[in-house]
Amino acid sequence: MGDDEAAEPSANTPAWVNHIAFRVNTVPELETTMTRLQANGIDVIGITDHRIFKSIYFFDPNGIRLELSAQVADAFQMLEESKTAQASLKEWNERKAHMREQRKNN
């Protein structure tokens, strides 16, 4: 059972980091959804090209960041990407740790 308290994000974490991602079937579906959201007054970031997929980002009425993405890579490209995903994540985490250490020392 919840405590009726909103989860507070870390002050050191940008708002775009904490989000829920959903996949749509095609880029045209992503574009149509973006247009519909904007027509209803929703501020949308994107379309962002992540090379193997494209995404849009927006906040839902509860303030939760949502991502909708459409895969543009084929099965072979996704397999190739999976071979380097762990190394890319490790590198990102190392950069993040280094930046935190620099902030702490300044």
N, C-alpha and C. Protein backbone atom coordinates (compact mmCIF):
# COMPACT_ATOMS: atom_id res chain seq x y z
N MET A 1 0.85 -1.17 0.00
CA MET A 1 0.00 0.00 0.00
C MET A 1 0.90 1.24 0.00
N GLY A 2 0.58 2.22 -0.78
CA GLY A 2 1.37 3.44 -0.90
C GLY A 2 1.22 4.35 0.30
N ASP A 3 2.10 5.34 0.38
CA ASP A 3 2.05 6.29 1.49
C ASP A 3 1.48 7.64 1.06
N ASP A 4 0.93 7.71 -0.15
CA ASP A 4 0.35 8.94 -0.70
C ASP A 4 1.35 10.06 -0.84
N GLU A 5 2.64 9.72 -0.92
CA GLU A 5 3.70 10.70 -1.12
C GLU A 5 4.26 10.52 -2.53
N ALA A 6 4.41 11.62 -3.24
CA ALA A 6 4.99 11.55 -4.58
C ALA A 6 6.46 11.20 -4.49
N ALA A 7 6.93 10.38 -5.41
CA ALA A 7 8.36 10.06 -5.47
C ALA A 7 9.11 11.30 -5.92
N GLU A 8 10.16 11.63 -5.22
CA GLU A 8 10.95 12.81 -5.55
C GLU A 8 12.22 12.37 -6.27
N PRO A 9 12.46 12.89 -7.47
CA PRO A 9 13.69 12.53 -8.18
C PRO A 9 14.90 13.16 -7.51
N SER A 10 16.04 12.58 -7.78
CA SER A 10 17.29 13.12 -7.27
C SER A 10 17.53 14.49 -7.86
N ALA A 11 18.01 15.40 -7.05
CA ALA A 11 18.35 16.75 -7.54
C ALA A 11 19.50 16.69 -8.53
N ASN A 12 20.26 15.61 -8.53
CA ASN A 12 21.40 15.45 -9.44
C ASN A 12 21.02 14.75 -10.75
N THR A 13 19.75 14.45 -10.91
CA THR A 13 19.30 13.72 -12.09
C THR A 13 18.38 14.59 -12.93
N PRO A 14 18.75 14.83 -14.20
CA PRO A 14 17.86 15.62 -15.06
C PRO A 14 16.49 14.95 -15.21
N ALA A 15 15.46 15.75 -15.39
CA ALA A 15 14.09 15.23 -15.46
C ALA A 15 13.90 14.22 -16.59
N TRP A 16 14.66 14.36 -17.68
CA TRP A 16 14.45 13.47 -18.82
C TRP A 16 14.97 12.06 -18.56
N VAL A 17 15.82 11.88 -17.56
CA VAL A 17 16.42 10.56 -17.33
C VAL A 17 15.38 9.56 -16.84
N ASN A 18 14.57 9.97 -15.88
CA ASN A 18 13.56 9.08 -15.31
C ASN A 18 12.32 9.09 -16.19
N HIS A 19 12.11 8.01 -16.93
CA HIS A 19 10.96 7.97 -17.82
C HIS A 19 10.55 6.53 -18.10
N ILE A 20 9.38 6.38 -18.68
CA ILE A 20 8.87 5.09 -19.11
C ILE A 20 8.82 5.13 -20.63
N ALA A 21 9.34 4.09 -21.27
CA ALA A 21 9.38 4.04 -22.73
C ALA A 21 8.41 2.98 -23.25
N PHE A 22 7.72 3.34 -24.32
CA PHE A 22 6.82 2.43 -25.01
C PHE A 22 7.19 2.41 -26.48
N ARG A 23 7.02 1.26 -27.10
CA ARG A 23 7.34 1.12 -28.52
C ARG A 23 6.07 1.23 -29.36
N VAL A 24 6.18 2.01 -30.44
CA VAL A 24 5.11 2.05 -31.45
C VAL A 24 5.63 1.30 -32.67
N ASN A 25 4.74 0.97 -33.59
CA ASN A 25 5.10 0.07 -34.68
C ASN A 25 5.94 0.70 -35.78
N THR A 26 5.68 1.98 -36.09
CA THR A 26 6.34 2.59 -37.24
C THR A 26 6.67 4.05 -36.96
N VAL A 27 7.58 4.60 -37.75
CA VAL A 27 7.90 6.02 -37.65
C VAL A 27 6.68 6.87 -38.02
N PRO A 28 5.92 6.52 -39.08
CA PRO A 28 4.71 7.31 -39.36
C PRO A 28 3.73 7.33 -38.18
N GLU A 29 3.60 6.22 -37.46
CA GLU A 29 2.74 6.19 -36.28
C GLU A 29 3.29 7.13 -35.20
N LEU A 30 4.60 7.16 -35.05
CA LEU A 30 5.25 8.06 -34.10
C LEU A 30 4.97 9.51 -34.49
N GLU A 31 5.11 9.83 -35.77
CA GLU A 31 4.87 11.19 -36.27
C GLU A 31 3.42 11.61 -36.06
N THR A 32 2.49 10.70 -36.34
CA THR A 32 1.07 10.99 -36.17
C THR A 32 0.74 11.25 -34.70
N THR A 33 1.32 10.44 -33.83
CA THR A 33 1.09 10.62 -32.39
C THR A 33 1.65 11.94 -31.92
N MET A 34 2.84 12.30 -32.40
CA MET A 34 3.44 13.58 -32.02
C MET A 34 2.54 14.74 -32.45
N THR A 35 2.03 14.69 -33.66
CA THR A 35 1.14 15.73 -34.17
C THR A 35 -0.12 15.82 -33.32
N ARG A 36 -0.69 14.67 -32.98
CA ARG A 36 -1.91 14.66 -32.16
C ARG A 36 -1.65 15.23 -30.76
N LEU A 37 -0.53 14.88 -30.16
CA LEU A 37 -0.19 15.41 -28.84
C LEU A 37 -0.04 16.93 -28.90
N GLN A 38 0.72 17.40 -29.89
CA GLN A 38 0.95 18.85 -30.03
C GLN A 38 -0.36 19.58 -30.29
N ALA A 39 -1.25 18.99 -31.07
CA ALA A 39 -2.54 19.62 -31.36
C ALA A 39 -3.39 19.76 -30.10
N ASN A 40 -3.08 18.93 -29.10
CA ASN A 40 -3.81 18.99 -27.83
C ASN A 40 -3.02 19.71 -26.74
N GLY A 41 -2.03 20.50 -27.16
CA GLY A 41 -1.31 21.36 -26.24
C GLY A 41 -0.20 20.70 -25.44
N ILE A 42 0.20 19.51 -25.84
CA ILE A 42 1.27 18.81 -25.12
C ILE A 42 2.62 19.21 -25.74
N ASP A 43 3.56 19.61 -24.89
CA ASP A 43 4.91 19.95 -25.33
C ASP A 43 5.66 18.65 -25.59
N VAL A 44 6.13 18.47 -26.82
CA VAL A 44 6.79 17.23 -27.24
C VAL A 44 8.23 17.54 -27.66
N ILE A 45 9.16 16.75 -27.15
CA ILE A 45 10.55 16.83 -27.60
C ILE A 45 10.75 15.72 -28.62
N GLY A 46 11.31 16.07 -29.75
CA GLY A 46 11.58 15.06 -30.76
C GLY A 46 11.02 15.50 -32.09
N ILE A 47 11.21 14.76 -33.02
CA ILE A 47 11.62 13.36 -33.04
C ILE A 47 13.16 13.31 -32.90
N THR A 48 13.61 12.50 -31.93
CA THR A 48 15.02 12.33 -31.66
C THR A 48 15.51 11.07 -32.35
N ASP A 49 16.59 11.21 -33.12
CA ASP A 49 17.15 10.08 -33.86
C ASP A 49 18.24 9.42 -33.02
N HIS A 50 17.97 8.20 -32.57
CA HIS A 50 18.93 7.43 -31.77
C HIS A 50 19.66 6.39 -32.63
N ARG A 51 19.63 6.57 -33.91
CA ARG A 51 20.29 5.72 -34.89
C ARG A 51 19.54 4.42 -35.14
N ILE A 52 19.25 3.64 -34.11
CA ILE A 52 18.54 2.38 -34.31
C ILE A 52 17.04 2.50 -34.03
N PHE A 53 16.65 3.63 -33.44
CA PHE A 53 15.24 3.93 -33.23
C PHE A 53 15.07 5.44 -33.14
N LYS A 54 13.84 5.88 -33.31
CA LYS A 54 13.49 7.30 -33.19
C LYS A 54 12.46 7.44 -32.08
N SER A 55 12.55 8.55 -31.35
CA SER A 55 11.71 8.72 -30.17
C SER A 55 11.13 10.11 -30.07
N ILE A 56 10.01 10.20 -29.34
CA ILE A 56 9.48 11.47 -28.86
C ILE A 56 9.35 11.36 -27.35
N TYR A 57 9.41 12.52 -26.68
CA TYR A 57 9.34 12.57 -25.22
C TYR A 57 8.33 13.63 -24.82
N PHE A 58 7.55 13.35 -23.78
CA PHE A 58 6.58 14.31 -23.27
C PHE A 58 6.20 13.89 -21.86
N PHE A 59 5.57 14.80 -21.12
CA PHE A 59 5.09 14.49 -19.78
C PHE A 59 3.61 14.15 -19.82
N ASP A 60 3.21 13.14 -19.06
CA ASP A 60 1.79 12.83 -18.94
C ASP A 60 1.17 13.79 -17.92
N PRO A 61 -0.16 13.76 -17.75
CA PRO A 61 -0.80 14.71 -16.82
C PRO A 61 -0.31 14.60 -15.37
N ASN A 62 0.30 13.47 -15.00
CA ASN A 62 0.82 13.29 -13.65
C ASN A 62 2.27 13.72 -13.52
N GLY A 63 2.84 14.26 -14.61
CA GLY A 63 4.22 14.72 -14.56
C GLY A 63 5.24 13.63 -14.80
N ILE A 64 4.81 12.49 -15.31
CA ILE A 64 5.73 11.39 -15.61
C ILE A 64 6.20 11.53 -17.05
N ARG A 65 7.52 11.52 -17.24
CA ARG A 65 8.08 11.61 -18.59
C ARG A 65 7.82 10.29 -19.31
N LEU A 66 7.28 10.38 -20.51
CA LEU A 66 7.03 9.21 -21.35
C LEU A 66 7.86 9.32 -22.61
N GLU A 67 8.26 8.18 -23.12
CA GLU A 67 8.97 8.10 -24.40
C GLU A 67 8.20 7.13 -25.28
N LEU A 68 7.94 7.53 -26.50
CA LEU A 68 7.43 6.62 -27.52
C LEU A 68 8.53 6.46 -28.55
N SER A 69 8.82 5.22 -28.93
CA SER A 69 9.90 5.01 -29.88
C SER A 69 9.48 4.03 -30.96
N ALA A 70 10.08 4.21 -32.13
CA ALA A 70 9.86 3.33 -33.27
C ALA A 70 11.22 2.83 -33.74
N GLN A 71 11.37 1.54 -33.80
CA GLN A 71 12.64 0.95 -34.24
C GLN A 71 12.81 1.16 -35.74
N VAL A 72 14.00 1.59 -36.13
CA VAL A 72 14.29 1.77 -37.56
C VAL A 72 15.34 0.78 -38.04
N ALA A 73 16.03 0.14 -37.12
CA ALA A 73 17.05 -0.84 -37.49
C ALA A 73 16.39 -2.19 -37.81
N ASP A 74 17.02 -2.92 -38.72
CA ASP A 74 16.52 -4.26 -39.01
C ASP A 74 17.11 -5.25 -37.99
N ALA A 75 16.73 -6.51 -38.10
CA ALA A 75 17.16 -7.52 -37.12
C ALA A 75 18.68 -7.65 -37.07
N PHE A 76 19.35 -7.58 -38.22
CA PHE A 76 20.80 -7.69 -38.25
C PHE A 76 21.45 -6.51 -37.53
N GLN A 77 20.96 -5.30 -37.79
CA GLN A 77 21.51 -4.12 -37.12
C GLN A 77 21.31 -4.20 -35.61
N MET A 78 20.15 -4.69 -35.18
CA MET A 78 19.90 -4.83 -33.74
C MET A 78 20.84 -5.86 -33.12
N LEU A 79 21.12 -6.94 -33.84
CA LEU A 79 22.07 -7.94 -33.35
C LEU A 79 23.45 -7.33 -33.21
N GLU A 80 23.88 -6.57 -34.20
CA GLU A 80 25.19 -5.91 -34.14
C GLU A 80 25.24 -4.91 -32.98
N GLU A 81 24.17 -4.17 -32.78
CA GLU A 81 24.11 -3.20 -31.69
C GLU A 81 24.20 -3.91 -30.34
N SER A 82 23.58 -5.06 -30.22
CA SER A 82 23.60 -5.79 -28.95
C SER A 82 25.00 -6.23 -28.57
N LYS A 83 25.89 -6.38 -29.54
CA LYS A 83 27.27 -6.80 -29.27
C LYS A 83 28.07 -5.72 -28.55
N THR A 84 27.67 -4.47 -28.71
CA THR A 84 28.42 -3.37 -28.09
C THR A 84 27.63 -2.66 -27.00
N ALA A 85 26.41 -3.09 -26.75
CA ALA A 85 25.54 -2.39 -25.79
C ALA A 85 26.13 -2.37 -24.39
N GLN A 86 26.64 -3.51 -23.91
CA GLN A 86 27.19 -3.55 -22.56
C GLN A 86 28.41 -2.65 -22.42
N ALA A 87 29.29 -2.64 -23.42
CA ALA A 87 30.47 -1.78 -23.38
C ALA A 87 30.06 -0.31 -23.40
N SER A 88 29.05 0.03 -24.19
CA SER A 88 28.57 1.42 -24.25
C SER A 88 27.99 1.85 -22.91
N LEU A 89 27.22 0.98 -22.28
CA LEU A 89 26.65 1.29 -20.97
C LEU A 89 27.75 1.45 -19.92
N LYS A 90 28.75 0.59 -19.96
CA LYS A 90 29.87 0.69 -19.01
C LYS A 90 30.59 2.02 -19.18
N GLU A 91 30.84 2.41 -20.43
CA GLU A 91 31.51 3.68 -20.71
C GLU A 91 30.68 4.86 -20.21
N TRP A 92 29.37 4.82 -20.43
CA TRP A 92 28.47 5.88 -19.98
C TRP A 92 28.51 5.99 -18.46
N ASN A 93 28.44 4.85 -17.77
CA ASN A 93 28.47 4.86 -16.31
C ASN A 93 29.80 5.39 -15.78
N GLU A 94 30.90 5.07 -16.45
CA GLU A 94 32.21 5.59 -16.04
C GLU A 94 32.28 7.10 -16.21
N ARG A 95 31.77 7.61 -17.33
CA ARG A 95 31.74 9.07 -17.54
C ARG A 95 30.89 9.74 -16.48
N LYS A 96 29.74 9.16 -16.18
CA LYS A 96 28.85 9.71 -15.17
C LYS A 96 29.53 9.74 -13.80
N ALA A 97 30.21 8.67 -13.44
CA ALA A 97 30.91 8.62 -12.15
C ALA A 97 32.02 9.66 -12.11
N HIS A 98 32.71 9.84 -13.21
CA HIS A 98 33.78 10.84 -13.28
C HIS A 98 33.22 12.26 -13.11
N MET A 99 32.10 12.54 -13.76
CA MET A 99 31.48 13.86 -13.63
C MET A 99 31.02 14.11 -12.19
N ARG A 100 30.46 13.09 -11.56
CA ARG A 100 30.04 13.23 -10.16
C ARG A 100 31.24 13.53 -9.27
N GLU A 101 32.32 12.83 -9.51
CA GLU A 101 33.53 13.04 -8.71
C GLU A 101 34.07 14.45 -8.90
N GLN A 102 34.05 14.94 -10.14
CA GLN A 102 34.50 16.31 -10.41
C GLN A 102 33.63 17.33 -9.69
N ARG A 103 32.30 17.12 -9.72
CA ARG A 103 31.38 18.04 -9.03
C ARG A 103 31.65 18.04 -7.53
N LYS A 104 31.91 16.87 -6.99
CA LYS A 104 32.14 16.76 -5.55
C LYS A 104 33.43 17.48 -5.15
N ASN A 105 34.41 17.49 -6.03
CA ASN A 105 35.71 18.10 -5.72
C ASN A 105 35.75 19.58 -6.03
N ASN A 106 34.75 20.12 -6.68
CA ASN A 106 34.73 21.55 -7.01
C ASN A 106 33.91 22.37 -6.06
